[in-house]
Amino acid sequence: MKIDSLIKQNYNISKQIPLSRYTFTKTGGEAEYLAFPKNLEQLQMLVAAANEDGLDITVIGNASNLIISDKGIAGLVIILTDMNEIKLDGDIVEAQAGATIVKTAFFAANHGLSGLEFAAGIPGSVGGAVFMNAGAYGGESEQAISEVTVLTRTGEIKHYSHDEMQFSYRHSLVQNTGDIVVSARFKLKAGDKLKILDEMNYLNALRAYKQPLEYPSCGSVFKRPTGHFVGPMLIKAGLQGKQIGGAQVSTKHAGFIVNKGGATATDYLNLIHYIQKTIKEQRGIDLHTEVRIIGRDIEGESK
């Protein structure tokens, strides 16, 4: 197989690696193949090899808003955290997909550029932020993105403008195309460095106060239904503190499911389904997952 030849060439590819080492929930089965490309050329080689071998390709960012099946992922899993360069071009910050959105936001702030303050506490990667149009505290990634560079599954490099990315709430074009985000350009505005940093530090403190950062979790689990907030809805339904296996609806923020110890992905999924069933029965509301759920025996979004 072509992929095996890349292993011999020291392309930083391993076999049968537990993905629980990388997910924020500390759950998930093994990757059949796992690779950490260091640059675009290596990424292109990996995609070409996987295509030649007929392997599925799964790209993972910082694995923060992600649940991976206990049965793992077939094919090639690519983690882009080694592609993390951030650079400045006037009022534009360009960041590779593996850079964290937090570091990107602080890079911008330290250069006196405003527009990414909302991302100060988002633990995901730039690629993940583009993929799901990540947001917090009234801001969304799309508000700052001017251009996205992707690698298609056939190995072609493309550049999409903001409008071509078809951003909406927790959605972008690449969710439909399967393109791999390589980098993003954020067009920002000049501002007062100290004021920008003060705002970011305030949001980080607010996050630490409100969110259960002391436990592994996958972040916000559900998309916000129109006219409702998930956390208060779950509290009113008596679901706060509900636990299945090692997975628990956080007693600090009911919109989060935390790993209280020894949780499996199956525990997470069973608790998600229980919450959805309860809210549907009590309120007639369909809760849809914001967290990305992938791997063997996982079919589409958990609803």
Protein backbone atom coordinates (compact mmCIF):
# COMPACT_ATOMS: atom_id res chain seq x y z
CA MET A 1 0.00 0.00 0.00
CA LYS A 2 1.13 3.55 -0.75
CA ILE A 3 0.43 4.66 2.82
CA ASP A 4 2.77 1.96 4.15
CA SER A 5 5.56 3.25 1.95
CA LEU A 6 5.11 6.70 3.52
CA ILE A 7 5.48 5.13 6.96
CA LYS A 8 8.86 3.78 5.87
CA GLN A 9 9.80 7.27 4.66
CA ASN A 10 9.22 8.60 8.19
CA TYR A 11 6.11 10.65 7.39
CA ASN A 12 5.06 10.55 11.06
CA ILE A 13 2.33 7.99 10.42
CA SER A 14 1.35 5.35 12.98
CA LYS A 15 -1.05 2.43 13.03
CA GLN A 16 -3.78 1.57 15.53
CA ILE A 17 -3.35 4.61 17.80
CA PRO A 18 -5.98 5.35 20.49
CA LEU A 19 -7.62 8.67 19.65
CA SER A 20 -8.55 9.13 23.31
CA ARG A 21 -5.01 10.50 23.65
CA TYR A 22 -6.07 13.54 21.61
CA THR A 23 -9.77 14.19 22.25
CA PHE A 24 -10.83 16.68 24.91
CA THR A 25 -13.32 14.11 26.27
CA LYS A 26 -10.49 11.57 26.72
CA THR A 27 -12.63 9.01 24.87
CA GLY A 28 -12.55 7.36 21.45
CA GLY A 29 -11.22 4.21 19.80
CA GLU A 30 -8.24 3.65 17.55
CA ALA A 31 -7.31 5.22 14.26
CA GLU A 32 -6.40 2.65 11.62
CA TYR A 33 -3.72 5.09 10.43
CA LEU A 34 -2.85 8.37 12.15
CA ALA A 35 -0.70 11.10 10.58
CA PHE A 36 0.62 14.51 11.64
CA PRO A 37 1.70 16.37 8.48
CA LYS A 38 4.13 19.22 9.05
CA ASN A 39 3.37 21.19 5.90
CA LEU A 40 1.11 21.41 2.86
CA GLU A 41 3.36 19.17 0.77
CA GLN A 42 3.15 16.35 3.31
CA LEU A 43 -0.60 16.81 3.55
CA GLN A 44 -0.89 16.52 -0.24
CA MET A 45 1.21 13.35 -0.20
CA LEU A 46 -1.00 11.82 2.49
CA VAL A 47 -4.20 12.61 0.60
CA ALA A 48 -2.75 11.20 -2.61
CA ALA A 49 -1.62 8.01 -0.85
CA ALA A 50 -4.98 7.51 0.84
CA ASN A 51 -6.78 8.01 -2.45
CA GLU A 52 -4.49 5.51 -4.19
CA ASP A 53 -5.10 2.96 -1.43
CA GLY A 54 -8.85 3.60 -1.31
CA LEU A 55 -8.72 4.75 2.31
CA ASP A 56 -11.26 7.10 3.85
CA ILE A 57 -9.76 10.36 5.14
CA THR A 58 -10.84 11.98 8.39
CA VAL A 59 -9.36 15.32 9.42
CA ILE A 60 -9.29 16.32 13.07
CA GLY A 61 -8.40 19.77 14.35
CA ASN A 62 -7.76 20.21 18.05
CA ALA A 63 -10.38 17.50 18.84
CA SER A 64 -12.12 19.86 21.27
CA ASN A 65 -15.72 19.76 20.01
CA LEU A 66 -15.62 16.14 18.95
CA ILE A 67 -16.82 12.68 19.99
CA ILE A 68 -15.16 9.69 18.34
CA SER A 69 -16.78 6.27 18.42
CA ASP A 70 -15.34 3.69 20.82
CA LYS A 71 -14.80 1.55 17.71
CA GLY A 72 -12.43 4.15 16.31
CA ILE A 73 -12.05 5.42 12.76
CA ALA A 74 -11.27 3.37 9.66
CA GLY A 75 -8.80 4.65 7.10
CA LEU A 76 -6.46 7.60 7.54
CA VAL A 77 -6.92 10.13 10.33
CA ILE A 78 -5.03 13.39 9.86
CA ILE A 79 -4.35 15.76 12.76
CA LEU A 80 -3.11 19.15 11.60
CA THR A 81 -1.71 20.53 14.86
CA ASP A 82 1.85 20.63 13.43
CA MET A 83 0.65 23.01 10.69
CA ASN A 84 0.29 25.97 13.02
CA GLU A 85 2.06 28.98 11.52
CA ILE A 86 0.49 32.41 12.15
CA LYS A 87 1.67 35.49 10.26
CA LEU A 88 0.76 39.12 9.75
CA ASP A 89 -0.01 40.89 6.48
CA GLY A 90 -1.04 44.47 7.27
CA ASP A 91 -4.45 44.26 8.93
CA ILE A 92 -4.82 40.59 7.95
CA VAL A 93 -3.78 37.68 10.15
CA GLU A 94 -3.23 34.44 8.25
CA ALA A 95 -3.21 31.24 10.28
CA GLN A 96 -2.72 27.65 9.25
CA ALA A 97 -5.48 25.20 10.08
CA GLY A 98 -3.63 23.57 12.97
CA ALA A 99 -3.04 26.79 14.88
CA THR A 100 -5.42 27.23 17.79
CA ILE A 101 -7.98 29.98 17.39
CA VAL A 102 -6.96 31.21 20.87
CA LYS A 103 -3.32 31.73 19.85
CA THR A 104 -4.50 33.37 16.64
CA ALA A 105 -6.71 35.77 18.60
CA PHE A 106 -3.88 36.70 20.99
CA PHE A 107 -1.46 37.08 18.08
CA ALA A 108 -3.88 39.60 16.57
CA ALA A 109 -4.35 41.38 19.89
CA ASN A 110 -0.63 41.70 20.47
CA HIS A 111 -0.40 43.44 17.09
CA GLY A 112 -3.18 45.85 18.04
CA LEU A 113 -5.80 44.20 15.81
CA SER A 114 -9.41 43.81 16.88
CA GLY A 115 -12.05 41.37 15.65
CA LEU A 116 -11.17 38.05 17.25
CA GLU A 117 -11.76 38.93 20.90
CA PHE A 118 -14.74 36.56 21.10
CA ALA A 119 -12.39 33.62 20.33
CA ALA A 120 -10.17 34.17 23.37
CA GLY A 121 -11.51 31.09 25.14
CA ILE A 122 -12.46 28.81 22.25
CA PRO A 123 -10.19 25.75 22.53
CA GLY A 124 -10.45 24.59 18.91
CA SER A 125 -8.16 24.98 15.91
CA VAL A 126 -8.47 27.51 13.11
CA GLY A 127 -9.52 24.71 10.78
CA GLY A 128 -12.22 23.63 13.22
CA ALA A 129 -13.36 27.22 13.70
CA VAL A 130 -13.77 27.58 9.94
CA PHE A 131 -15.41 24.18 9.54
CA MET A 132 -18.16 24.84 12.09
CA ASN A 133 -18.16 28.65 12.09
CA ALA A 134 -17.27 28.53 15.76
CA GLY A 135 -18.42 31.34 17.98
CA ALA A 136 -18.82 32.58 21.53
CA TYR A 137 -20.00 35.66 23.40
CA GLY A 138 -21.84 37.14 20.45
CA GLY A 139 -19.09 36.64 17.87
CA GLU A 140 -18.62 34.09 15.10
CA SER A 141 -15.61 33.17 12.98
CA GLU A 142 -17.27 34.32 9.77
CA GLN A 143 -17.30 37.91 11.00
CA ALA A 144 -13.52 38.10 10.59
CA ILE A 145 -12.74 35.57 7.83
CA SER A 146 -11.95 37.06 4.43
CA GLU A 147 -10.55 33.99 2.65
CA VAL A 148 -10.07 30.28 3.24
CA THR A 149 -7.56 28.03 1.50
CA VAL A 150 -8.48 24.36 1.19
CA LEU A 151 -7.15 21.13 -0.23
CA THR A 152 -9.82 19.13 -2.00
CA ARG A 153 -10.05 15.38 -1.54
CA THR A 154 -8.67 15.03 -5.07
CA GLY A 155 -5.57 17.06 -4.16
CA GLU A 156 -6.48 20.43 -5.68
CA ILE A 157 -5.74 23.68 -3.82
CA LYS A 158 -8.64 26.14 -3.84
CA HIS A 159 -9.23 29.60 -2.36
CA TYR A 160 -12.72 30.54 -1.21
CA SER A 161 -13.87 34.06 -0.45
CA HIS A 162 -15.97 34.80 2.61
CA ASP A 163 -19.19 34.72 0.56
CA GLU A 164 -18.24 31.48 -1.18
CA MET A 165 -17.85 29.78 2.22
CA GLN A 166 -21.65 29.92 2.76
CA PHE A 167 -21.36 30.52 6.49
CA SER A 168 -24.38 30.13 8.73
CA TYR A 169 -24.93 29.14 12.34
CA ARG A 170 -22.33 26.42 13.09
CA HIS A 171 -22.03 25.65 9.38
CA SER A 172 -19.75 26.30 6.43
CA LEU A 173 -19.30 25.11 2.86
CA VAL A 174 -16.57 22.61 3.74
CA GLN A 175 -19.05 20.55 5.74
CA ASN A 176 -20.69 19.79 2.41
CA THR A 177 -17.64 19.48 0.16
CA GLY A 178 -15.31 17.57 2.47
CA ASP A 179 -12.48 19.96 1.57
CA ILE A 180 -9.61 20.10 4.05
CA VAL A 181 -9.04 23.58 5.48
CA VAL A 182 -5.37 24.50 5.07
CA SER A 183 -5.42 28.11 6.28
CA ALA A 184 -7.64 31.12 6.84
CA ARG A 185 -7.17 34.85 6.48
CA PHE A 186 -8.81 37.11 9.08
CA LYS A 187 -9.35 40.75 8.11
CA LEU A 188 -9.23 42.79 11.30
CA LYS A 189 -9.32 46.41 12.45
CA ALA A 190 -6.69 48.45 14.24
CA GLY A 191 -7.48 49.00 17.89
CA ASP A 192 -6.01 49.72 21.28
CA LYS A 193 -3.85 46.74 22.22
CA LEU A 194 -4.45 47.03 25.97
CA LYS A 195 -8.22 47.39 25.57
CA ILE A 196 -8.32 44.38 23.25
CA LEU A 197 -6.32 42.27 25.71
CA ASP A 198 -8.48 43.44 28.63
CA GLU A 199 -11.61 42.31 26.78
CA MET A 200 -10.06 38.93 26.00
CA ASN A 201 -8.89 38.40 29.56
CA TYR A 202 -12.36 39.30 30.81
CA LEU A 203 -13.99 36.75 28.48
CA ASN A 204 -11.50 34.09 29.58
CA ALA A 205 -12.29 34.78 33.22
CA LEU A 206 -16.01 34.61 32.45
CA ARG A 207 -15.52 31.29 30.68
CA ALA A 208 -13.57 29.86 33.63
CA TYR A 209 -16.32 31.01 36.00
CA LYS A 210 -19.21 29.58 33.98
CA GLN A 211 -17.82 26.48 32.29
CA PRO A 212 -16.68 23.15 33.81
CA LEU A 213 -13.06 23.42 32.73
CA GLU A 214 -11.95 21.18 35.60
CA TYR A 215 -13.26 18.09 33.77
CA PRO A 216 -12.70 16.70 30.27
CA SER A 217 -15.56 17.66 27.97
CA CYS A 218 -16.44 18.24 24.33
CA GLY A 219 -17.58 21.80 24.91
CA SER A 220 -21.08 22.93 24.06
CA VAL A 221 -22.99 19.78 23.04
CA PHE A 222 -26.16 21.11 21.40
CA LYS A 223 -26.99 23.83 18.94
CA ARG A 224 -29.19 26.55 20.38
CA PRO A 225 -32.83 26.11 19.27
CA THR A 226 -34.48 29.30 18.06
CA GLY A 227 -35.85 31.20 21.04
CA HIS A 228 -34.29 28.93 23.67
CA PHE A 229 -31.09 28.44 25.64
CA VAL A 230 -29.99 24.84 26.09
CA GLY A 231 -28.56 25.05 29.62
CA PRO A 232 -31.67 26.52 31.32
CA MET A 233 -33.88 24.16 29.30
CA LEU A 234 -32.01 21.13 30.62
CA ILE A 235 -32.12 22.45 34.18
CA LYS A 236 -35.91 22.91 34.00
CA ALA A 237 -36.21 19.37 32.62
CA GLY A 238 -34.37 18.02 35.67
CA LEU A 239 -31.42 16.84 33.59
CA GLN A 240 -28.59 18.73 35.28
CA GLY A 241 -26.40 16.17 37.03
CA LYS A 242 -27.87 13.27 35.05
CA GLN A 243 -25.14 10.67 34.58
CA ILE A 244 -24.75 7.61 32.39
CA GLY A 245 -21.56 5.69 33.01
CA GLY A 246 -18.81 8.25 33.41
CA ALA A 247 -20.57 10.96 31.38
CA GLN A 248 -22.53 13.62 33.29
CA VAL A 249 -24.57 16.70 32.44
CA SER A 250 -22.37 19.26 34.17
CA THR A 251 -23.59 20.59 37.49
CA LYS A 252 -21.77 23.84 36.68
CA HIS A 253 -23.11 24.42 33.15
CA ALA A 254 -25.90 22.14 31.92
CA GLY A 255 -24.97 22.76 28.28
CA PHE A 256 -21.83 20.67 28.78
CA ILE A 257 -21.36 16.94 29.25
CA VAL A 258 -18.24 16.14 31.27
CA ASN A 259 -16.18 13.01 31.80
CA LYS A 260 -16.37 12.39 35.53
CA GLY A 261 -13.96 9.50 35.22
CA GLY A 262 -13.78 6.45 32.98
CA ALA A 263 -16.41 7.68 30.52
CA THR A 264 -16.61 6.10 27.07
CA ALA A 265 -17.88 7.61 23.85
CA THR A 266 -20.86 5.28 24.19
CA ASP A 267 -21.65 6.85 27.58
CA TYR A 268 -21.60 10.26 25.91
CA LEU A 269 -23.84 9.14 23.05
CA ASN A 270 -26.31 7.39 25.35
CA LEU A 271 -26.57 10.51 27.51
CA ILE A 272 -27.02 12.72 24.44
CA HIS A 273 -29.84 10.49 23.17
CA TYR A 274 -31.46 10.47 26.63
CA ILE A 275 -31.39 14.28 26.75
CA GLN A 276 -32.83 14.58 23.24
CA LYS A 277 -35.62 12.11 24.03
CA THR A 278 -36.48 13.86 27.31
CA ILE A 279 -36.59 17.36 25.80
CA LYS A 280 -38.67 16.14 22.86
CA GLU A 281 -41.18 14.51 25.20
CA GLN A 282 -41.36 17.43 27.64
CA ARG A 283 -41.07 20.42 25.31
CA GLY A 284 -41.65 19.12 21.78
CA ILE A 285 -38.26 20.54 20.80
CA ASP A 286 -35.68 18.70 18.70
CA LEU A 287 -32.19 19.25 20.03
CA HIS A 288 -29.47 18.88 17.39
CA THR A 289 -25.85 18.30 18.25
CA GLU A 290 -23.25 21.00 17.80
CA VAL A 291 -20.49 18.58 18.75
CA ARG A 292 -19.14 16.60 15.79
CA ILE A 293 -19.74 12.84 16.20
CA ILE A 294 -17.66 10.56 13.98
CA GLY A 295 -16.22 7.08 13.64
CA ARG A 296 -17.25 3.49 13.01
CA ASP A 297 -20.98 2.77 13.37
CA ILE A 298 -21.79 6.49 13.55
CA GLU A 299 -24.32 7.56 10.93
CA GLY A 300 -24.73 11.30 10.41
CA GLU A 301 -25.67 13.75 13.12
CA SER A 302 -27.04 12.50 16.41
CA LYS A 303 -30.64 13.71 16.58
